[in-house]
Amino acid sequence: MKRLEDLLRKVVSRKDEKGEYSAGYWPVKVRNKLLELIPEYGSFLEIGCGEGLFLSDLRKHKPNLSLTGVDLWEEILNKAKARFSNDPGVKLVFGKGEKLPFADNTFDTAAAVNLLINIKGKAVANSIISELLRVTKPSGKVLFDLRNKRSPFLKVQYGLAKYYDTEIKVPLVTYKAEDFDSILGYNEKKVHTCGFPKGKYAPILVIEAVKKQAKQEQ
């Protein structure tokens, strides 16, 4: 079983990310989709930045962005700090996604990348999305991805995960696209998909929300 696990990790990870905890086939798919949706300029926040794999992608493809990453797992955050030790343009902060250490309306874009799959409990996930909205400027973007609860492929894959990934330390949680509509409220929302099949049963859902201006009191 250990040989199978090692083979799968080798096959699904990018060459430059071998051995990284946050690497893998679906995480790369998510990051590539988000790269298409993030503006070229402005300030960007990633909740659950891990080793900094996505921040590294952004640094390469969108060098004019001001980048901030937050993570609660100190061991893995230290890996991100080592990755960007010579780059003062990337700020890394220890903190909780459900209680961010930033003022309201701070960032032009805020995202939770490959994070909610590992968050056990809808209440915590709701808090994370609420915080994304809070710290994003009006007219800014909020982005997050979900593993699709309706995907038959993921039902099989995650059901077998305990057999091929014996070192997994976090839960594997799926959601439906509408599960966070009550949190997003009147903000404009689009749903993008990744993987096969497309549409309702796609394995990955990427939610793109634009934060609307607060309604002015008459």
N, C-alpha and C. Protein backbone atom coordinates (compact mmCIF):
# COMPACT_ATOMS: atom_id res chain seq x y z
N MET A 1 0.82 -1.21 0.00
CA MET A 1 0.00 0.00 0.00
C MET A 1 0.86 1.27 0.00
N LYS A 2 2.00 1.21 0.70
CA LYS A 2 2.90 2.36 0.72
C LYS A 2 3.42 2.67 -0.68
N ARG A 3 3.74 1.61 -1.47
CA ARG A 3 4.21 1.82 -2.84
C ARG A 3 3.14 2.50 -3.69
N LEU A 4 1.88 2.08 -3.52
CA LEU A 4 0.78 2.69 -4.27
C LEU A 4 0.64 4.16 -3.90
N GLU A 5 0.72 4.45 -2.62
CA GLU A 5 0.61 5.83 -2.15
C GLU A 5 1.70 6.70 -2.76
N ASP A 6 2.95 6.21 -2.73
CA ASP A 6 4.07 6.98 -3.28
C ASP A 6 3.92 7.19 -4.78
N LEU A 7 3.43 6.15 -5.49
CA LEU A 7 3.23 6.25 -6.94
C LEU A 7 2.19 7.31 -7.27
N LEU A 8 1.08 7.31 -6.53
CA LEU A 8 0.02 8.28 -6.78
C LEU A 8 0.51 9.70 -6.54
N ARG A 9 1.25 9.90 -5.47
CA ARG A 9 1.79 11.24 -5.19
C ARG A 9 2.72 11.70 -6.31
N LYS A 10 3.51 10.77 -6.83
CA LYS A 10 4.45 11.10 -7.90
C LYS A 10 3.73 11.48 -9.18
N VAL A 11 2.67 10.76 -9.49
CA VAL A 11 1.94 10.98 -10.74
C VAL A 11 1.17 12.29 -10.72
N VAL A 12 0.54 12.63 -9.58
CA VAL A 12 -0.38 13.76 -9.56
C VAL A 12 0.25 15.08 -9.16
N SER A 13 1.51 15.12 -8.78
CA SER A 13 2.16 16.35 -8.37
C SER A 13 3.01 16.94 -9.48
N ARG A 14 3.11 18.28 -9.51
CA ARG A 14 4.01 18.94 -10.44
C ARG A 14 5.46 18.65 -10.05
N LYS A 15 6.34 18.65 -11.04
CA LYS A 15 7.74 18.31 -10.78
C LYS A 15 8.37 19.23 -9.75
N ASP A 16 8.02 20.52 -9.79
CA ASP A 16 8.62 21.47 -8.86
C ASP A 16 7.95 21.47 -7.49
N GLU A 17 6.97 20.58 -7.29
CA GLU A 17 6.26 20.53 -6.02
C GLU A 17 6.30 19.14 -5.38
N LYS A 18 7.21 18.31 -5.82
CA LYS A 18 7.31 16.96 -5.27
C LYS A 18 7.55 17.02 -3.77
N GLY A 19 6.77 16.25 -3.03
CA GLY A 19 6.95 16.18 -1.59
C GLY A 19 6.22 17.24 -0.80
N GLU A 20 5.63 18.24 -1.46
CA GLU A 20 4.91 19.28 -0.74
C GLU A 20 3.54 18.75 -0.32
N TYR A 21 3.13 19.10 0.89
CA TYR A 21 1.88 18.57 1.44
C TYR A 21 0.67 19.04 0.63
N SER A 22 0.72 20.26 0.12
CA SER A 22 -0.43 20.84 -0.58
C SER A 22 -0.42 20.57 -2.09
N ALA A 23 0.52 19.76 -2.56
CA ALA A 23 0.58 19.46 -3.99
C ALA A 23 -0.47 18.43 -4.37
N GLY A 24 -0.63 18.21 -5.67
CA GLY A 24 -1.58 17.20 -6.13
C GLY A 24 -2.32 17.65 -7.38
N TYR A 25 -3.01 16.71 -8.00
CA TYR A 25 -3.70 16.97 -9.27
C TYR A 25 -4.79 18.02 -9.13
N TRP A 26 -5.73 17.80 -8.20
CA TRP A 26 -6.84 18.74 -8.07
C TRP A 26 -6.39 20.10 -7.54
N PRO A 27 -5.49 20.16 -6.55
CA PRO A 27 -5.00 21.47 -6.13
C PRO A 27 -4.41 22.30 -7.27
N VAL A 28 -3.68 21.65 -8.17
CA VAL A 28 -3.11 22.37 -9.31
C VAL A 28 -4.21 22.87 -10.24
N LYS A 29 -5.21 22.04 -10.48
CA LYS A 29 -6.35 22.45 -11.32
C LYS A 29 -7.03 23.69 -10.74
N VAL A 30 -7.24 23.68 -9.43
CA VAL A 30 -7.88 24.82 -8.77
C VAL A 30 -7.03 26.08 -8.93
N ARG A 31 -5.75 25.96 -8.66
CA ARG A 31 -4.87 27.12 -8.74
C ARG A 31 -4.82 27.68 -10.15
N ASN A 32 -4.80 26.83 -11.15
CA ASN A 32 -4.78 27.30 -12.54
C ASN A 32 -6.05 28.07 -12.89
N LYS A 33 -7.20 27.59 -12.41
CA LYS A 33 -8.46 28.28 -12.66
C LYS A 33 -8.48 29.64 -11.97
N LEU A 34 -8.01 29.68 -10.73
CA LEU A 34 -8.00 30.94 -9.99
C LEU A 34 -7.06 31.96 -10.62
N LEU A 35 -5.96 31.49 -11.19
CA LEU A 35 -5.04 32.40 -11.87
C LEU A 35 -5.75 33.16 -12.99
N GLU A 36 -6.72 32.52 -13.63
CA GLU A 36 -7.47 33.17 -14.70
C GLU A 36 -8.39 34.27 -14.17
N LEU A 37 -8.79 34.18 -12.91
CA LEU A 37 -9.82 35.06 -12.36
C LEU A 37 -9.27 36.22 -11.54
N ILE A 38 -8.01 36.16 -11.16
CA ILE A 38 -7.42 37.18 -10.29
C ILE A 38 -6.85 38.32 -11.14
N PRO A 39 -7.15 39.57 -10.77
CA PRO A 39 -6.65 40.72 -11.53
C PRO A 39 -5.12 40.81 -11.51
N GLU A 40 -4.58 41.58 -12.43
CA GLU A 40 -3.13 41.74 -12.55
C GLU A 40 -2.55 42.67 -11.49
N TYR A 41 -3.38 43.57 -10.96
CA TYR A 41 -2.89 44.58 -10.04
C TYR A 41 -3.72 44.58 -8.76
N GLY A 42 -3.20 45.29 -7.74
CA GLY A 42 -3.92 45.43 -6.49
C GLY A 42 -3.34 44.56 -5.39
N SER A 43 -4.10 44.44 -4.31
CA SER A 43 -3.68 43.66 -3.15
C SER A 43 -4.45 42.36 -3.10
N PHE A 44 -3.76 41.30 -2.72
CA PHE A 44 -4.35 39.96 -2.72
C PHE A 44 -4.07 39.27 -1.39
N LEU A 45 -5.11 38.63 -0.84
CA LEU A 45 -4.98 37.84 0.39
C LEU A 45 -5.36 36.40 0.11
N GLU A 46 -4.53 35.46 0.60
CA GLU A 46 -4.89 34.05 0.56
C GLU A 46 -5.00 33.52 1.99
N ILE A 47 -6.18 32.97 2.32
CA ILE A 47 -6.38 32.30 3.60
C ILE A 47 -5.99 30.84 3.43
N GLY A 48 -5.19 30.33 4.37
CA GLY A 48 -4.72 28.96 4.26
C GLY A 48 -3.67 28.82 3.18
N CYS A 49 -2.65 29.67 3.25
CA CYS A 49 -1.66 29.73 2.16
C CYS A 49 -0.69 28.55 2.17
N GLY A 50 -0.64 27.78 3.26
CA GLY A 50 0.22 26.61 3.32
C GLY A 50 1.68 26.93 3.04
N GLU A 51 2.31 26.10 2.21
CA GLU A 51 3.73 26.30 1.87
C GLU A 51 3.97 27.45 0.92
N GLY A 52 2.88 28.09 0.47
CA GLY A 52 3.02 29.22 -0.44
C GLY A 52 3.03 28.84 -1.90
N LEU A 53 2.46 27.67 -2.25
CA LEU A 53 2.49 27.23 -3.64
C LEU A 53 1.71 28.16 -4.56
N PHE A 54 0.52 28.58 -4.12
CA PHE A 54 -0.27 29.47 -4.97
C PHE A 54 0.32 30.88 -5.00
N LEU A 55 0.81 31.35 -3.86
CA LEU A 55 1.46 32.66 -3.83
C LEU A 55 2.66 32.67 -4.77
N SER A 56 3.35 31.55 -4.84
CA SER A 56 4.49 31.43 -5.76
C SER A 56 4.03 31.51 -7.22
N ASP A 57 2.90 30.86 -7.52
CA ASP A 57 2.32 30.96 -8.87
C ASP A 57 1.98 32.41 -9.22
N LEU A 58 1.38 33.11 -8.24
CA LEU A 58 1.00 34.50 -8.47
C LEU A 58 2.22 35.38 -8.66
N ARG A 59 3.26 35.12 -7.88
CA ARG A 59 4.48 35.92 -8.00
C ARG A 59 5.06 35.80 -9.40
N LYS A 60 4.93 34.61 -9.97
CA LYS A 60 5.48 34.35 -11.29
C LYS A 60 4.62 34.94 -12.40
N HIS A 61 3.30 34.75 -12.30
CA HIS A 61 2.41 35.12 -13.40
C HIS A 61 1.77 36.50 -13.24
N LYS A 62 1.70 37.02 -12.00
CA LYS A 62 1.09 38.33 -11.76
C LYS A 62 2.00 39.12 -10.82
N PRO A 63 3.18 39.51 -11.31
CA PRO A 63 4.20 40.11 -10.46
C PRO A 63 3.85 41.47 -9.87
N ASN A 64 2.81 42.13 -10.39
CA ASN A 64 2.44 43.45 -9.89
C ASN A 64 1.50 43.41 -8.69
N LEU A 65 1.06 42.22 -8.30
CA LEU A 65 0.19 42.10 -7.14
C LEU A 65 0.97 42.24 -5.84
N SER A 66 0.34 42.85 -4.85
CA SER A 66 0.86 42.87 -3.49
C SER A 66 0.25 41.67 -2.76
N LEU A 67 1.07 40.74 -2.27
CA LEU A 67 0.59 39.45 -1.78
C LEU A 67 0.68 39.32 -0.27
N THR A 68 -0.39 38.77 0.32
CA THR A 68 -0.41 38.44 1.75
C THR A 68 -0.99 37.04 1.92
N GLY A 69 -0.36 36.24 2.75
CA GLY A 69 -0.85 34.90 3.05
C GLY A 69 -1.03 34.70 4.53
N VAL A 70 -2.08 33.96 4.90
CA VAL A 70 -2.38 33.65 6.30
C VAL A 70 -2.52 32.15 6.46
N ASP A 71 -1.96 31.61 7.54
CA ASP A 71 -2.16 30.20 7.85
C ASP A 71 -2.05 29.98 9.35
N LEU A 72 -2.82 29.00 9.84
CA LEU A 72 -2.83 28.66 11.26
C LEU A 72 -1.85 27.55 11.61
N TRP A 73 -1.38 26.83 10.60
CA TRP A 73 -0.46 25.71 10.80
C TRP A 73 0.96 26.27 10.74
N GLU A 74 1.56 26.45 11.89
CA GLU A 74 2.84 27.15 11.98
C GLU A 74 3.95 26.42 11.22
N GLU A 75 3.97 25.10 11.30
CA GLU A 75 5.01 24.32 10.63
C GLU A 75 5.03 24.56 9.13
N ILE A 76 3.84 24.54 8.54
CA ILE A 76 3.77 24.72 7.09
C ILE A 76 3.93 26.18 6.69
N LEU A 77 3.52 27.11 7.57
CA LEU A 77 3.72 28.53 7.30
C LEU A 77 5.21 28.87 7.29
N ASN A 78 5.97 28.20 8.13
CA ASN A 78 7.42 28.41 8.13
C ASN A 78 8.05 28.01 6.80
N LYS A 79 7.46 27.00 6.14
CA LYS A 79 7.95 26.62 4.82
C LYS A 79 7.71 27.74 3.81
N ALA A 80 6.55 28.39 3.94
CA ALA A 80 6.25 29.53 3.05
C ALA A 80 7.22 30.67 3.32
N LYS A 81 7.52 30.91 4.59
CA LYS A 81 8.45 31.99 4.93
C LYS A 81 9.84 31.71 4.35
N ALA A 82 10.24 30.45 4.38
CA ALA A 82 11.53 30.08 3.79
C ALA A 82 11.51 30.28 2.27
N ARG A 83 10.37 29.96 1.66
CA ARG A 83 10.23 30.10 0.20
C ARG A 83 10.38 31.56 -0.24
N PHE A 84 9.86 32.48 0.58
CA PHE A 84 9.87 33.90 0.22
C PHE A 84 10.83 34.71 1.08
N SER A 85 11.84 34.06 1.63
CA SER A 85 12.76 34.73 2.55
C SER A 85 13.47 35.92 1.92
N ASN A 86 13.65 35.90 0.62
CA ASN A 86 14.33 36.99 -0.08
C ASN A 86 13.38 37.87 -0.89
N ASP A 87 12.10 37.77 -0.57
CA ASP A 87 11.08 38.53 -1.32
C ASP A 87 10.25 39.37 -0.36
N PRO A 88 10.61 40.63 -0.16
CA PRO A 88 9.86 41.49 0.77
C PRO A 88 8.46 41.85 0.27
N GLY A 89 8.15 41.49 -0.97
CA GLY A 89 6.83 41.80 -1.52
C GLY A 89 5.74 40.83 -1.12
N VAL A 90 6.11 39.78 -0.38
CA VAL A 90 5.14 38.80 0.09
C VAL A 90 5.09 38.84 1.61
N LYS A 91 3.92 39.13 2.17
CA LYS A 91 3.74 39.20 3.61
C LYS A 91 3.04 37.93 4.09
N LEU A 92 3.60 37.28 5.11
CA LEU A 92 3.03 36.04 5.64
C LEU A 92 2.69 36.23 7.11
N VAL A 93 1.46 35.84 7.47
CA VAL A 93 0.93 36.12 8.80
C VAL A 93 0.36 34.85 9.42
N PHE A 94 0.64 34.63 10.68
CA PHE A 94 0.03 33.53 11.43
C PHE A 94 -1.34 33.99 11.91
N GLY A 95 -2.39 33.24 11.58
CA GLY A 95 -3.72 33.65 12.01
C GLY A 95 -4.80 32.69 11.55
N LYS A 96 -5.99 32.87 12.12
CA LYS A 96 -7.15 32.04 11.82
C LYS A 96 -7.93 32.62 10.65
N GLY A 97 -8.38 31.74 9.77
CA GLY A 97 -9.20 32.19 8.66
C GLY A 97 -10.55 32.71 9.09
N GLU A 98 -11.06 32.20 10.21
CA GLU A 98 -12.37 32.64 10.69
C GLU A 98 -12.29 33.87 11.59
N LYS A 99 -11.09 34.39 11.82
CA LYS A 99 -10.92 35.63 12.59
C LYS A 99 -9.65 36.31 12.10
N LEU A 100 -9.74 36.93 10.95
CA LEU A 100 -8.57 37.50 10.29
C LEU A 100 -8.07 38.78 10.98
N PRO A 101 -6.76 38.94 11.08
CA PRO A 101 -6.18 40.11 11.75
C PRO A 101 -6.04 41.32 10.82
N PHE A 102 -7.11 41.62 10.08
CA PHE A 102 -7.08 42.73 9.13
C PHE A 102 -8.35 43.56 9.27
N ALA A 103 -8.24 44.84 8.94
CA ALA A 103 -9.40 45.73 9.00
C ALA A 103 -10.36 45.44 7.85
N ASP A 104 -11.58 45.94 7.99
CA ASP A 104 -12.56 45.82 6.92
C ASP A 104 -12.02 46.49 5.64
N ASN A 105 -12.43 45.93 4.49
CA ASN A 105 -12.16 46.56 3.19
C ASN A 105 -10.66 46.82 2.94
N THR A 106 -9.84 45.82 3.24
CA THR A 106 -8.39 45.97 3.11
C THR A 106 -7.85 45.54 1.75
N PHE A 107 -8.40 44.45 1.19
CA PHE A 107 -7.80 43.83 0.00
C PHE A 107 -8.69 43.97 -1.23
N ASP A 108 -8.05 44.06 -2.39
CA ASP A 108 -8.79 44.10 -3.65
C ASP A 108 -9.35 42.73 -4.00
N THR A 109 -8.62 41.68 -3.66
CA THR A 109 -9.05 40.30 -3.91
C THR A 109 -8.67 39.45 -2.71
N ALA A 110 -9.57 38.56 -2.30
CA ALA A 110 -9.27 37.64 -1.20
C ALA A 110 -9.76 36.25 -1.58
N ALA A 111 -8.99 35.24 -1.23
CA ALA A 111 -9.32 33.88 -1.67
C ALA A 111 -8.99 32.84 -0.60
N ALA A 112 -9.76 31.77 -0.63
CA ALA A 112 -9.46 30.55 0.13
C ALA A 112 -9.21 29.47 -0.91
N VAL A 113 -7.96 29.05 -1.04
CA VAL A 113 -7.54 28.17 -2.14
C VAL A 113 -7.25 26.77 -1.60
N ASN A 114 -8.00 25.79 -2.09
CA ASN A 114 -7.83 24.40 -1.62
C ASN A 114 -7.90 24.31 -0.10
N LEU A 115 -8.81 25.07 0.48
CA LEU A 115 -8.92 25.13 1.94
C LEU A 115 -10.17 24.48 2.49
N LEU A 116 -11.34 24.81 1.93
CA LEU A 116 -12.59 24.35 2.52
C LEU A 116 -12.76 22.84 2.47
N ILE A 117 -12.05 22.17 1.59
CA ILE A 117 -12.07 20.71 1.56
C ILE A 117 -11.59 20.12 2.88
N ASN A 118 -10.75 20.86 3.60
CA ASN A 118 -10.16 20.37 4.85
C ASN A 118 -10.77 21.00 6.09
N ILE A 119 -11.87 21.74 5.94
CA ILE A 119 -12.52 22.40 7.07
C ILE A 119 -13.72 21.58 7.52
N LYS A 120 -13.62 21.02 8.70
CA LYS A 120 -14.71 20.20 9.22
C LYS A 120 -15.68 21.08 9.99
N GLY A 121 -16.92 21.11 9.55
CA GLY A 121 -17.93 21.91 10.21
C GLY A 121 -18.35 23.09 9.36
N LYS A 122 -19.61 23.13 8.99
CA LYS A 122 -20.13 24.19 8.12
C LYS A 122 -20.03 25.56 8.79
N ALA A 123 -20.17 25.60 10.12
CA ALA A 123 -20.11 26.88 10.82
C ALA A 123 -18.75 27.54 10.64
N VAL A 124 -17.69 26.75 10.71
CA VAL A 124 -16.33 27.30 10.52
C VAL A 124 -16.16 27.76 9.07
N ALA A 125 -16.63 26.95 8.12
CA ALA A 125 -16.54 27.33 6.71
C ALA A 125 -17.31 28.63 6.45
N ASN A 126 -18.49 28.77 7.05
CA ASN A 126 -19.27 30.01 6.91
C ASN A 126 -18.49 31.21 7.44
N SER A 127 -17.82 31.02 8.58
CA SER A 127 -17.04 32.11 9.18
C SER A 127 -15.90 32.53 8.27
N ILE A 128 -15.27 31.56 7.63
CA ILE A 128 -14.16 31.88 6.71
C ILE A 128 -14.66 32.70 5.53
N ILE A 129 -15.79 32.30 4.94
CA ILE A 129 -16.34 33.06 3.80
C ILE A 129 -16.76 34.45 4.25
N SER A 130 -17.35 34.56 5.43
CA SER A 130 -17.75 35.86 5.96
C SER A 130 -16.55 36.78 6.14
N GLU A 131 -15.44 36.21 6.61
CA GLU A 131 -14.23 37.00 6.80
C GLU A 131 -13.62 37.42 5.46
N LEU A 132 -13.68 36.54 4.47
CA LEU A 132 -13.23 36.92 3.13
C LEU A 132 -13.98 38.15 2.64
N LEU A 133 -15.29 38.14 2.82
CA LEU A 133 -16.11 39.27 2.39
C LEU A 133 -15.78 40.52 3.20
N ARG A 134 -15.60 40.37 4.48
CA ARG A 134 -15.34 41.53 5.35
C ARG A 134 -14.07 42.28 4.96
N VAL A 135 -13.00 41.54 4.69
CA VAL A 135 -11.71 42.20 4.44
C VAL A 135 -11.52 42.62 2.98
N THR A 136 -12.47 42.26 2.12
CA THR A 136 -12.39 42.64 0.70
C THR A 136 -13.05 44.00 0.48
N LYS A 137 -12.43 44.81 -0.35
CA LYS A 137 -12.97 46.13 -0.66
C LYS A 137 -14.24 46.02 -1.49
N PRO A 138 -15.15 46.99 -1.37
CA PRO A 138 -16.31 47.02 -2.26
C PRO A 138 -15.86 46.99 -3.73
N SER A 139 -16.53 46.20 -4.53
CA SER A 139 -16.21 45.95 -5.94
C SER A 139 -15.03 45.01 -6.10
N GLY A 140 -14.46 44.53 -4.99
CA GLY A 140 -13.38 43.56 -5.06
C GLY A 140 -13.91 42.15 -5.22
N LYS A 141 -12.98 41.21 -5.43
CA LYS A 141 -13.37 39.82 -5.67
C LYS A 141 -13.11 38.94 -4.45
N VAL A 142 -14.05 38.02 -4.22
CA VAL A 142 -13.88 36.95 -3.25
C VAL A 142 -13.91 35.63 -4.03
N LEU A 143 -12.91 34.79 -3.82
CA LEU A 143 -12.78 33.54 -4.56
C LEU A 143 -12.55 32.38 -3.61
N PHE A 144 -13.23 31.28 -3.86
CA PHE A 144 -12.97 30.06 -3.10
C PHE A 144 -13.43 28.86 -3.91
N ASP A 145 -12.84 27.71 -3.61
CA ASP A 145 -13.18 26.50 -4.35
C ASP A 145 -13.81 25.48 -3.42
N LEU A 146 -14.62 24.62 -4.02
CA LEU A 146 -15.30 23.54 -3.30
C LEU A 146 -15.09 22.24 -4.03
N ARG A 147 -14.96 21.16 -3.29
CA ARG A 147 -15.04 19.84 -3.89
C ARG A 147 -16.53 19.50 -3.93
N ASN A 148 -17.02 19.17 -5.11
CA ASN A 148 -18.44 19.08 -5.38
C ASN A 148 -19.09 17.84 -4.76
N LYS A 149 -20.05 18.07 -3.90
CA LYS A 149 -20.76 16.98 -3.23
C LYS A 149 -21.52 16.10 -4.22
N ARG A 150 -21.85 16.66 -5.39
CA ARG A 150 -22.63 15.91 -6.39
C ARG A 150 -21.74 15.07 -7.31
N SER A 151 -20.44 15.18 -7.18
CA SER A 151 -19.53 14.46 -8.08
C SER A 151 -19.43 12.99 -7.71
N PRO A 152 -19.85 12.09 -8.60
CA PRO A 152 -19.72 10.65 -8.31
C PRO A 152 -18.26 10.23 -8.23
N PHE A 153 -17.39 10.90 -8.99
CA PHE A 153 -15.96 10.56 -8.97
C PHE A 153 -15.37 10.82 -7.59
N LEU A 154 -15.70 11.97 -6.99
CA LEU A 154 -15.13 12.29 -5.69
C LEU A 154 -15.67 11.39 -4.59
N LYS A 155 -16.90 10.94 -4.74
CA LYS A 155 -17.44 10.01 -3.74
C LYS A 155 -16.58 8.75 -3.66
N VAL A 156 -16.16 8.27 -4.83
CA VAL A 156 -15.30 7.08 -4.86
C VAL A 156 -13.90 7.42 -4.38
N GLN A 157 -13.33 8.51 -4.90
CA GLN A 157 -11.95 8.87 -4.56
C GLN A 157 -11.78 9.09 -3.07
N TYR A 158 -12.66 9.88 -2.47
CA TYR A 158 -12.51 10.20 -1.05
C TYR A 158 -12.88 9.02 -0.17
N GLY A 159 -13.76 8.17 -0.68
CA GLY A 159 -14.09 6.96 0.07
C GLY A 159 -12.91 6.02 0.20
N LEU A 160 -12.01 6.06 -0.81
CA LEU A 160 -10.83 5.18 -0.81
C LEU A 160 -9.58 5.88 -0.28
N ALA A 161 -9.68 7.16 0.05
CA ALA A 161 -8.50 7.94 0.41
C ALA A 161 -7.72 7.35 1.59
N LYS A 162 -8.43 6.80 2.55
CA LYS A 162 -7.74 6.26 3.73
C LYS A 162 -6.85 5.07 3.39
N TYR A 163 -7.08 4.47 2.22
CA TYR A 163 -6.28 3.31 1.83
C TYR A 163 -5.03 3.71 1.04
N TYR A 164 -5.13 4.79 0.21
CA TYR A 164 -3.98 5.15 -0.61
C TYR A 164 -3.20 6.35 -0.06
N ASP A 165 -3.76 7.08 0.91
CA ASP A 165 -3.05 8.21 1.52
C ASP A 165 -3.07 8.03 3.03
N THR A 166 -2.18 7.21 3.52
CA THR A 166 -2.19 6.85 4.94
C THR A 166 -1.69 7.96 5.85
N GLU A 167 -1.11 9.01 5.27
CA GLU A 167 -0.57 10.09 6.08
C GLU A 167 -1.49 11.31 6.13
N ILE A 168 -2.68 11.20 5.57
CA ILE A 168 -3.59 12.35 5.54
C ILE A 168 -3.93 12.79 6.96
N LYS A 169 -3.86 14.10 7.21
CA LYS A 169 -4.02 14.64 8.55
C LYS A 169 -5.30 15.46 8.71
N VAL A 170 -6.03 15.64 7.64
CA VAL A 170 -7.19 16.53 7.66
C VAL A 170 -8.39 15.85 7.02
N PRO A 171 -9.61 16.33 7.32
CA PRO A 171 -10.81 15.74 6.70
C PRO A 171 -10.90 16.09 5.23
N LEU A 172 -11.70 15.33 4.49
CA LEU A 172 -11.99 15.61 3.08
C LEU A 172 -13.48 15.91 2.99
N VAL A 173 -13.82 17.18 2.81
CA VAL A 173 -15.21 17.64 2.92
C VAL A 173 -15.69 18.15 1.56
N THR A 174 -16.90 17.77 1.18
CA THR A 174 -17.50 18.23 -0.07
C THR A 174 -18.69 19.14 0.22
N TYR A 175 -18.98 20.03 -0.74
CA TYR A 175 -20.10 20.96 -0.61
C TYR A 175 -20.82 21.08 -1.95
N LYS A 176 -22.00 21.69 -1.92
CA LYS A 176 -22.72 22.05 -3.13
C LYS A 176 -22.53 23.55 -3.38
N ALA A 177 -22.69 23.97 -4.62
CA ALA A 177 -22.45 25.37 -4.99
C ALA A 177 -23.32 26.33 -4.19
N GLU A 178 -24.53 25.90 -3.87
CA GLU A 178 -25.48 26.79 -3.19
C GLU A 178 -25.32 26.80 -1.68
N ASP A 179 -24.41 26.02 -1.13
CA ASP A 179 -24.28 25.91 0.32
C ASP A 179 -23.89 27.22 0.99
N PHE A 180 -23.30 28.15 0.25
CA PHE A 180 -22.84 29.39 0.86
C PHE A 180 -23.60 30.61 0.35
N ASP A 181 -24.74 30.38 -0.29
CA ASP A 181 -25.53 31.50 -0.82
C ASP A 181 -26.00 32.44 0.28
N SER A 182 -26.34 31.89 1.45
CA SER A 182 -26.83 32.74 2.54
C SER A 182 -25.73 33.67 3.05
N ILE A 183 -24.47 33.24 2.95
CA ILE A 183 -23.35 34.07 3.38
C ILE A 183 -23.02 35.12 2.31
N LEU A 184 -23.04 34.71 1.06
CA LEU A 184 -22.72 35.63 -0.03
C LEU A 184 -23.80 36.68 -0.22
N GLY A 185 -25.04 36.36 0.16
CA GLY A 185 -26.12 37.32 0.12
C GLY A 185 -26.35 37.92 -1.25
N TYR A 186 -26.42 39.25 -1.30
CA TYR A 186 -26.75 39.92 -2.56
C TYR A 186 -25.52 40.15 -3.45
N ASN A 187 -24.35 39.72 -2.99
CA ASN A 187 -23.15 39.91 -3.80
C ASN A 187 -23.22 39.07 -5.07
N GLU A 188 -22.74 39.62 -6.16
CA GLU A 188 -22.77 38.95 -7.47
C GLU A 188 -21.93 37.67 -7.43
N LYS A 189 -22.48 36.56 -7.93
CA LYS A 189 -21.78 35.27 -7.84
C LYS A 189 -21.76 34.56 -9.18
N LYS A 190 -20.60 33.97 -9.50
CA LYS A 190 -20.47 33.08 -10.66
C LYS A 190 -19.87 31.76 -10.18
N VAL A 191 -20.26 30.67 -10.83
CA VAL A 191 -19.72 29.35 -10.51
C VAL A 191 -18.96 28.82 -11.72
N HIS A 192 -17.68 28.55 -11.54
CA HIS A 192 -16.85 27.95 -12.58
C HIS A 192 -16.58 26.50 -12.19
N THR A 193 -16.33 25.65 -13.18
CA THR A 193 -16.08 24.24 -12.89
C THR A 193 -14.73 23.80 -13.44
N CYS A 194 -14.18 22.75 -12.81
CA CYS A 194 -12.93 22.13 -13.27
C CYS A 194 -13.12 20.63 -13.30
N GLY A 195 -12.51 19.99 -14.28
CA GLY A 195 -12.54 18.54 -14.35
C GLY A 195 -13.71 18.00 -15.14
N PHE A 196 -13.72 16.69 -15.30
CA PHE A 196 -14.75 15.98 -16.06
C PHE A 196 -15.60 15.15 -15.10
N PRO A 197 -16.91 15.13 -15.34
CA PRO A 197 -17.67 15.83 -16.37
C PRO A 197 -17.85 17.30 -16.02
N LYS A 198 -18.19 18.10 -16.99
CA LYS A 198 -18.44 19.51 -16.76
C LYS A 198 -19.85 19.69 -16.21
N GLY A 199 -20.11 20.89 -15.72
CA GLY A 199 -21.46 21.19 -15.26
C GLY A 199 -21.75 20.73 -13.85
N LYS A 200 -22.97 20.31 -13.64
CA LYS A 200 -23.49 20.01 -12.30
C LYS A 200 -22.66 18.98 -11.55
N TYR A 201 -22.07 18.03 -12.26
CA TYR A 201 -21.36 16.94 -11.59
C TYR A 201 -19.83 17.08 -11.68
N ALA A 202 -19.34 18.25 -12.05
CA ALA A 202 -17.90 18.48 -12.11
C ALA A 202 -17.27 18.29 -10.73
N PRO A 203 -16.06 17.76 -10.66
CA PRO A 203 -15.43 17.52 -9.36
C PRO A 203 -15.15 18.79 -8.57
N ILE A 204 -14.79 19.87 -9.28
CA ILE A 204 -14.38 21.10 -8.62
C ILE A 204 -15.30 22.25 -9.00
N LEU A 205 -15.71 23.02 -7.99
CA LEU A 205 -16.48 24.24 -8.19
C LEU A 205 -15.64 25.41 -7.70
N VAL A 206 -15.48 26.42 -8.52
CA VAL A 206 -14.77 27.63 -8.11
C VAL A 206 -15.79 28.77 -8.07
N ILE A 207 -15.96 29.34 -6.89
CA ILE A 207 -16.94 30.41 -6.70
C ILE A 207 -16.23 31.76 -6.81
N GLU A 208 -16.76 32.60 -7.68
CA GLU A 208 -16.25 33.96 -7.87
C GLU A 208 -17.36 34.94 -7.49
N ALA A 209 -17.13 35.72 -6.45
CA ALA A 209 -18.14 36.69 -6.00
C ALA A 209 -17.54 38.09 -6.03
N VAL A 210 -18.33 39.05 -6.47
CA VAL A 210 -17.92 40.45 -6.47
C VAL A 210 -18.66 41.15 -5.34
N LYS A 211 -17.91 41.74 -4.44
CA LYS A 211 -18.51 42.40 -3.28
C LYS A 211 -19.14 43.72 -3.72
N LYS A 212 -20.41 43.85 -3.50
CA LYS A 212 -21.12 45.06 -3.91
C LYS A 212 -20.94 46.17 -2.88
N GLN A 213 -21.12 47.39 -3.36
CA GLN A 213 -21.06 48.54 -2.47
C GLN A 213 -22.20 48.45 -1.46
N ALA A 214 -21.92 48.85 -0.23
CA ALA A 214 -22.98 48.88 0.78
C ALA A 214 -24.05 49.88 0.35
N LYS A 215 -25.30 49.52 0.58
CA LYS A 215 -26.39 50.40 0.19
C LYS A 215 -26.39 51.65 1.06
N GLN A 216 -26.48 52.80 0.41
CA GLN A 216 -26.48 54.06 1.14
C GLN A 216 -27.84 54.29 1.79
N GLU A 217 -27.80 54.79 3.02
CA GLU A 217 -29.05 55.10 3.71
C GLU A 217 -29.66 56.36 3.09
N GLN A 218 -30.97 56.31 2.94
CA GLN A 218 -31.67 57.45 2.35
C GLN A 218 -31.81 58.58 3.38
